[in-house]
């Protein structure tokens, strides 16, 4: 497992490679937005989107040439987390290792703090 800081939002190299590949396949965009919103069966869920223009209220993180945009509220939920990409058989995708999540729903899509 990659080492990461307990106070920062961290990204594995596999996650960054996945984001860059997704942007390349899309053919446009300046980065990826990640965040947290109220939803799901446990209270909050993670979301992703492409970024085509800069929102001055977002924080921009950059790793290996990939820009990741996040709002301050979402960052407070995600501090100390590792954003990873895993491939396990037919299951592929981004996963969050979030020390702030007290419980995760059965589907793994939402969490409580």
N, C-alpha and C. Protein backbone atom coordinates (compact mmCIF):
# COMPACT_ATOMS: atom_id res chain seq x y z
N UNK A 1 0.85 -1.20 0.00
CA UNK A 1 0.00 0.00 0.00
C UNK A 1 0.88 1.24 0.00
N UNK A 2 0.42 2.25 -0.71
CA UNK A 2 1.13 3.51 -0.76
C UNK A 2 1.03 4.22 0.58
N UNK A 3 2.11 4.90 0.97
CA UNK A 3 2.02 5.69 2.21
C UNK A 3 1.35 7.02 1.87
N UNK A 4 0.67 7.58 2.85
CA UNK A 4 0.00 8.85 2.61
C UNK A 4 -0.11 9.63 3.90
N UNK A 5 -0.32 10.92 3.77
CA UNK A 5 -0.39 11.83 4.90
C UNK A 5 -1.77 11.78 5.54
N UNK A 6 -1.81 11.82 6.84
CA UNK A 6 -3.09 11.78 7.55
C UNK A 6 -3.80 13.13 7.55
N UNK A 7 -3.15 14.16 7.03
CA UNK A 7 -3.79 15.48 7.02
C UNK A 7 -4.13 15.97 5.63
N UNK A 8 -3.70 15.27 4.61
CA UNK A 8 -3.93 15.68 3.22
C UNK A 8 -4.91 14.74 2.54
N UNK A 9 -5.39 15.17 1.39
CA UNK A 9 -6.13 14.28 0.50
C UNK A 9 -5.10 13.68 -0.44
N UNK A 10 -5.04 12.37 -0.48
CA UNK A 10 -3.99 11.67 -1.20
C UNK A 10 -4.56 10.86 -2.35
N UNK A 11 -3.77 10.67 -3.40
CA UNK A 11 -4.19 9.92 -4.58
C UNK A 11 -3.13 8.89 -4.91
N UNK A 12 -3.57 7.66 -5.17
CA UNK A 12 -2.63 6.64 -5.62
C UNK A 12 -2.27 6.93 -7.07
N UNK A 13 -1.14 6.39 -7.49
CA UNK A 13 -0.74 6.54 -8.89
C UNK A 13 -1.77 5.89 -9.81
N UNK A 14 -2.38 4.78 -9.38
CA UNK A 14 -3.40 4.11 -10.20
C UNK A 14 -4.62 5.01 -10.39
N UNK A 15 -5.02 5.73 -9.34
CA UNK A 15 -6.17 6.64 -9.46
C UNK A 15 -5.86 7.77 -10.44
N UNK A 16 -4.67 8.34 -10.32
CA UNK A 16 -4.29 9.44 -11.21
C UNK A 16 -4.22 8.95 -12.66
N UNK A 17 -3.66 7.77 -12.87
CA UNK A 17 -3.61 7.20 -14.21
C UNK A 17 -5.01 7.00 -14.77
N UNK A 18 -5.94 6.54 -13.94
CA UNK A 18 -7.33 6.35 -14.36
C UNK A 18 -7.97 7.69 -14.72
N UNK A 19 -7.77 8.72 -13.89
CA UNK A 19 -8.33 10.04 -14.18
C UNK A 19 -7.78 10.58 -15.50
N UNK A 20 -6.46 10.49 -15.69
CA UNK A 20 -5.85 11.00 -16.93
C UNK A 20 -6.37 10.25 -18.15
N UNK A 21 -6.52 8.94 -18.02
CA UNK A 21 -7.04 8.13 -19.11
C UNK A 21 -8.49 8.51 -19.44
N UNK A 22 -9.29 8.75 -18.41
CA UNK A 22 -10.68 9.15 -18.61
C UNK A 22 -10.77 10.50 -19.32
N UNK A 23 -9.92 11.45 -18.91
CA UNK A 23 -9.89 12.76 -19.56
C UNK A 23 -9.46 12.62 -21.02
N UNK A 24 -8.48 11.78 -21.26
CA UNK A 24 -7.99 11.57 -22.62
C UNK A 24 -9.08 10.94 -23.49
N UNK A 25 -9.78 9.96 -22.96
CA UNK A 25 -10.86 9.31 -23.72
C UNK A 25 -11.99 10.28 -24.02
N UNK A 26 -12.25 11.18 -23.08
CA UNK A 26 -13.31 12.17 -23.28
C UNK A 26 -12.92 13.18 -24.35
N UNK A 27 -11.63 13.48 -24.44
CA UNK A 27 -11.15 14.38 -25.47
C UNK A 27 -11.16 15.85 -25.10
N UNK A 28 -11.62 16.18 -23.93
CA UNK A 28 -11.59 17.57 -23.46
C UNK A 28 -11.68 17.58 -21.95
N UNK A 29 -11.42 18.73 -21.37
CA UNK A 29 -11.48 18.89 -19.92
C UNK A 29 -10.13 19.26 -19.35
N UNK A 30 -10.16 20.02 -18.27
CA UNK A 30 -8.91 20.46 -17.63
C UNK A 30 -8.62 19.69 -16.35
N UNK A 31 -9.55 18.85 -15.92
CA UNK A 31 -9.32 18.07 -14.71
C UNK A 31 -10.56 17.32 -14.29
N UNK A 32 -10.47 16.79 -13.08
CA UNK A 32 -11.54 16.00 -12.47
C UNK A 32 -11.97 16.69 -11.19
N UNK A 33 -13.27 16.77 -10.97
CA UNK A 33 -13.78 17.27 -9.70
C UNK A 33 -14.22 16.07 -8.88
N UNK A 34 -13.83 16.08 -7.60
CA UNK A 34 -14.35 15.09 -6.67
C UNK A 34 -14.99 15.84 -5.52
N UNK A 35 -15.93 15.20 -4.88
CA UNK A 35 -16.59 15.85 -3.77
C UNK A 35 -17.49 14.91 -3.00
N UNK A 36 -18.14 15.49 -2.02
CA UNK A 36 -19.07 14.78 -1.13
C UNK A 36 -20.36 15.58 -1.13
N UNK A 37 -21.48 14.86 -1.20
CA UNK A 37 -22.79 15.53 -1.10
C UNK A 37 -23.72 14.67 -0.26
N UNK A 38 -24.74 15.33 0.30
CA UNK A 38 -25.75 14.59 1.07
C UNK A 38 -26.58 13.75 0.12
N UNK A 39 -26.58 12.45 0.36
CA UNK A 39 -27.34 11.52 -0.48
C UNK A 39 -27.02 10.11 -0.02
N UNK A 40 -27.63 9.16 -0.66
CA UNK A 40 -27.32 7.77 -0.38
C UNK A 40 -28.00 7.28 0.88
N UNK A 41 -27.90 5.99 1.12
CA UNK A 41 -28.60 5.39 2.25
C UNK A 41 -27.90 5.64 3.58
N UNK A 42 -26.64 6.11 3.57
CA UNK A 42 -25.93 6.35 4.82
C UNK A 42 -25.74 7.83 5.12
N UNK A 43 -26.18 8.72 4.24
CA UNK A 43 -26.11 10.14 4.54
C UNK A 43 -25.29 10.96 3.57
N UNK A 44 -24.13 10.46 3.15
CA UNK A 44 -23.26 11.18 2.22
C UNK A 44 -22.76 10.22 1.16
N UNK A 45 -22.48 10.79 -0.02
CA UNK A 45 -21.89 9.98 -1.08
C UNK A 45 -20.80 10.78 -1.78
N UNK A 46 -19.87 10.06 -2.36
CA UNK A 46 -18.81 10.67 -3.15
C UNK A 46 -19.33 10.91 -4.56
N UNK A 47 -18.81 11.95 -5.21
CA UNK A 47 -19.15 12.16 -6.61
C UNK A 47 -17.92 12.60 -7.40
N UNK A 48 -17.99 12.38 -8.70
CA UNK A 48 -16.93 12.75 -9.64
C UNK A 48 -17.58 13.47 -10.81
N UNK A 49 -16.83 14.36 -11.41
CA UNK A 49 -17.29 15.02 -12.62
C UNK A 49 -16.06 15.53 -13.38
N UNK A 50 -16.25 15.82 -14.64
CA UNK A 50 -15.20 16.45 -15.42
C UNK A 50 -15.26 17.96 -15.20
N UNK A 51 -14.12 18.61 -15.29
CA UNK A 51 -14.04 20.06 -15.16
C UNK A 51 -13.60 20.64 -16.49
N UNK A 52 -14.43 21.54 -17.02
CA UNK A 52 -14.12 22.20 -18.28
C UNK A 52 -13.71 23.65 -18.09
N UNK A 53 -14.06 24.24 -16.94
CA UNK A 53 -13.64 25.61 -16.64
C UNK A 53 -13.43 25.73 -15.13
N UNK A 54 -12.55 26.63 -14.76
CA UNK A 54 -12.16 26.78 -13.36
C UNK A 54 -13.21 27.54 -12.57
N UNK A 55 -13.60 26.96 -11.43
CA UNK A 55 -14.46 27.63 -10.46
C UNK A 55 -13.54 28.15 -9.37
N UNK A 56 -13.52 29.47 -9.18
CA UNK A 56 -12.57 30.08 -8.25
C UNK A 56 -12.77 29.63 -6.81
N UNK A 57 -13.92 29.03 -6.49
CA UNK A 57 -14.16 28.56 -5.13
C UNK A 57 -13.57 27.17 -4.86
N UNK A 58 -13.12 26.49 -5.91
CA UNK A 58 -12.54 25.16 -5.74
C UNK A 58 -11.05 25.24 -5.43
N UNK A 59 -10.58 24.28 -4.67
CA UNK A 59 -9.16 24.10 -4.42
C UNK A 59 -8.65 23.19 -5.53
N UNK A 60 -7.48 23.48 -6.06
CA UNK A 60 -6.90 22.67 -7.13
C UNK A 60 -5.70 21.92 -6.58
N UNK A 61 -5.76 20.61 -6.66
CA UNK A 61 -4.65 19.75 -6.29
C UNK A 61 -4.08 19.19 -7.57
N UNK A 62 -2.78 18.98 -7.64
CA UNK A 62 -2.19 18.43 -8.85
C UNK A 62 -1.19 17.34 -8.51
N UNK A 63 -1.30 16.25 -9.24
CA UNK A 63 -0.35 15.14 -9.09
C UNK A 63 -0.10 14.54 -10.47
N UNK A 64 1.16 14.39 -10.81
CA UNK A 64 1.57 13.77 -12.08
C UNK A 64 0.85 14.38 -13.29
N UNK A 65 0.63 15.70 -13.25
CA UNK A 65 0.00 16.38 -14.38
C UNK A 65 -1.51 16.34 -14.40
N UNK A 66 -2.11 15.73 -13.39
CA UNK A 66 -3.58 15.66 -13.31
C UNK A 66 -4.07 16.67 -12.29
N UNK A 67 -4.99 17.53 -12.72
CA UNK A 67 -5.59 18.50 -11.81
C UNK A 67 -6.88 17.92 -11.24
N UNK A 68 -6.98 17.98 -9.91
CA UNK A 68 -8.18 17.52 -9.21
C UNK A 68 -8.76 18.72 -8.48
N UNK A 69 -10.03 18.98 -8.71
CA UNK A 69 -10.72 20.14 -8.13
C UNK A 69 -11.63 19.64 -7.01
N UNK A 70 -11.63 20.38 -5.89
CA UNK A 70 -12.46 19.99 -4.75
C UNK A 70 -12.88 21.25 -3.99
N UNK A 71 -14.12 21.25 -3.51
CA UNK A 71 -14.58 22.39 -2.72
C UNK A 71 -14.14 22.20 -1.26
N UNK A 72 -14.09 23.29 -0.52
CA UNK A 72 -13.59 23.28 0.86
C UNK A 72 -14.41 22.35 1.77
N UNK A 73 -15.73 22.34 1.61
CA UNK A 73 -16.57 21.48 2.46
C UNK A 73 -16.25 20.01 2.22
N UNK A 74 -16.14 19.62 0.96
CA UNK A 74 -15.81 18.23 0.65
C UNK A 74 -14.43 17.87 1.18
N UNK A 75 -13.49 18.80 1.08
CA UNK A 75 -12.14 18.53 1.56
C UNK A 75 -12.15 18.24 3.06
N UNK A 76 -13.02 18.92 3.81
CA UNK A 76 -13.07 18.65 5.25
C UNK A 76 -13.56 17.23 5.54
N UNK A 77 -14.42 16.67 4.69
CA UNK A 77 -14.86 15.28 4.84
C UNK A 77 -13.78 14.29 4.41
N UNK A 78 -12.89 14.72 3.51
CA UNK A 78 -11.95 13.80 2.88
C UNK A 78 -10.51 13.91 3.37
N UNK A 79 -10.22 14.87 4.27
CA UNK A 79 -8.85 15.02 4.76
C UNK A 79 -8.35 13.71 5.36
N UNK A 80 -7.16 13.34 4.97
CA UNK A 80 -6.57 12.10 5.45
C UNK A 80 -6.96 10.88 4.64
N UNK A 81 -7.77 11.07 3.61
CA UNK A 81 -8.23 9.94 2.79
C UNK A 81 -7.23 9.63 1.68
N UNK A 82 -7.32 8.39 1.21
CA UNK A 82 -6.59 7.98 0.02
C UNK A 82 -7.61 7.63 -1.05
N UNK A 83 -7.50 8.26 -2.21
CA UNK A 83 -8.33 7.94 -3.37
C UNK A 83 -7.52 6.95 -4.19
N UNK A 84 -8.10 5.77 -4.40
CA UNK A 84 -7.39 4.69 -5.07
C UNK A 84 -8.23 4.15 -6.22
N UNK A 85 -7.61 3.41 -7.10
CA UNK A 85 -8.29 2.72 -8.19
C UNK A 85 -7.96 1.25 -8.05
N UNK A 86 -9.00 0.41 -8.07
CA UNK A 86 -8.74 -1.02 -7.93
C UNK A 86 -9.46 -1.80 -9.02
N UNK A 87 -8.86 -2.92 -9.36
CA UNK A 87 -9.45 -3.86 -10.31
C UNK A 87 -9.48 -5.21 -9.62
N UNK A 88 -10.69 -5.69 -9.35
CA UNK A 88 -10.87 -6.97 -8.67
C UNK A 88 -11.88 -7.77 -9.47
N UNK A 89 -11.38 -8.58 -10.39
CA UNK A 89 -12.28 -9.33 -11.27
C UNK A 89 -13.05 -8.37 -12.16
N UNK A 90 -14.38 -8.48 -12.10
CA UNK A 90 -15.22 -7.59 -12.90
C UNK A 90 -15.44 -6.24 -12.24
N UNK A 91 -15.08 -6.12 -10.96
CA UNK A 91 -15.26 -4.87 -10.23
C UNK A 91 -14.04 -3.98 -10.44
N UNK A 92 -14.27 -2.84 -11.06
CA UNK A 92 -13.21 -1.87 -11.31
C UNK A 92 -13.72 -0.51 -10.92
N UNK A 93 -12.87 0.29 -10.32
CA UNK A 93 -13.29 1.65 -10.05
C UNK A 93 -12.52 2.34 -8.95
N UNK A 94 -12.88 3.59 -8.76
CA UNK A 94 -12.30 4.42 -7.73
C UNK A 94 -12.87 4.01 -6.38
N UNK A 95 -12.00 3.95 -5.38
CA UNK A 95 -12.46 3.70 -4.03
C UNK A 95 -11.78 4.69 -3.08
N UNK A 96 -12.49 5.01 -2.03
CA UNK A 96 -11.98 5.93 -1.02
C UNK A 96 -11.63 5.16 0.23
N UNK A 97 -10.45 5.38 0.73
CA UNK A 97 -10.06 4.87 2.05
C UNK A 97 -10.11 6.10 2.94
N UNK A 98 -11.25 6.26 3.62
CA UNK A 98 -11.56 7.50 4.33
C UNK A 98 -11.63 7.24 5.84
N UNK A 99 -10.63 7.73 6.58
CA UNK A 99 -10.63 7.52 8.03
C UNK A 99 -11.74 8.30 8.75
N UNK A 100 -12.37 9.25 8.06
CA UNK A 100 -13.45 10.04 8.67
C UNK A 100 -14.79 9.34 8.61
N UNK A 101 -14.92 8.32 7.76
CA UNK A 101 -16.18 7.59 7.62
C UNK A 101 -16.35 6.65 8.81
N UNK A 102 -17.43 6.81 9.53
CA UNK A 102 -17.70 5.97 10.70
C UNK A 102 -18.39 4.67 10.28
N UNK A 103 -19.15 4.72 9.21
CA UNK A 103 -19.83 3.53 8.69
C UNK A 103 -20.03 3.72 7.20
N UNK A 104 -20.03 2.60 6.48
CA UNK A 104 -20.24 2.60 5.03
C UNK A 104 -21.42 1.68 4.75
N UNK A 105 -22.29 2.09 3.84
CA UNK A 105 -23.46 1.26 3.53
C UNK A 105 -23.02 -0.04 2.83
N UNK A 106 -23.92 -0.96 2.73
CA UNK A 106 -23.63 -2.26 2.13
C UNK A 106 -23.20 -2.18 0.69
N UNK A 107 -23.72 -1.21 -0.06
CA UNK A 107 -23.34 -1.08 -1.47
C UNK A 107 -22.00 -0.39 -1.63
N UNK A 108 -21.49 0.24 -0.56
CA UNK A 108 -20.22 0.92 -0.62
C UNK A 108 -20.25 2.27 -1.28
N UNK A 109 -21.44 2.74 -1.60
CA UNK A 109 -21.58 4.02 -2.31
C UNK A 109 -21.75 5.21 -1.37
N UNK A 110 -22.17 4.99 -0.14
CA UNK A 110 -22.39 6.10 0.77
C UNK A 110 -21.80 5.79 2.14
N UNK A 111 -21.70 6.85 2.97
CA UNK A 111 -21.05 6.70 4.27
C UNK A 111 -21.62 7.71 5.26
N UNK A 112 -21.32 7.49 6.54
CA UNK A 112 -21.68 8.43 7.59
C UNK A 112 -20.40 8.90 8.27
N UNK A 113 -20.49 10.10 8.88
CA UNK A 113 -19.34 10.64 9.61
C UNK A 113 -19.70 10.87 11.06
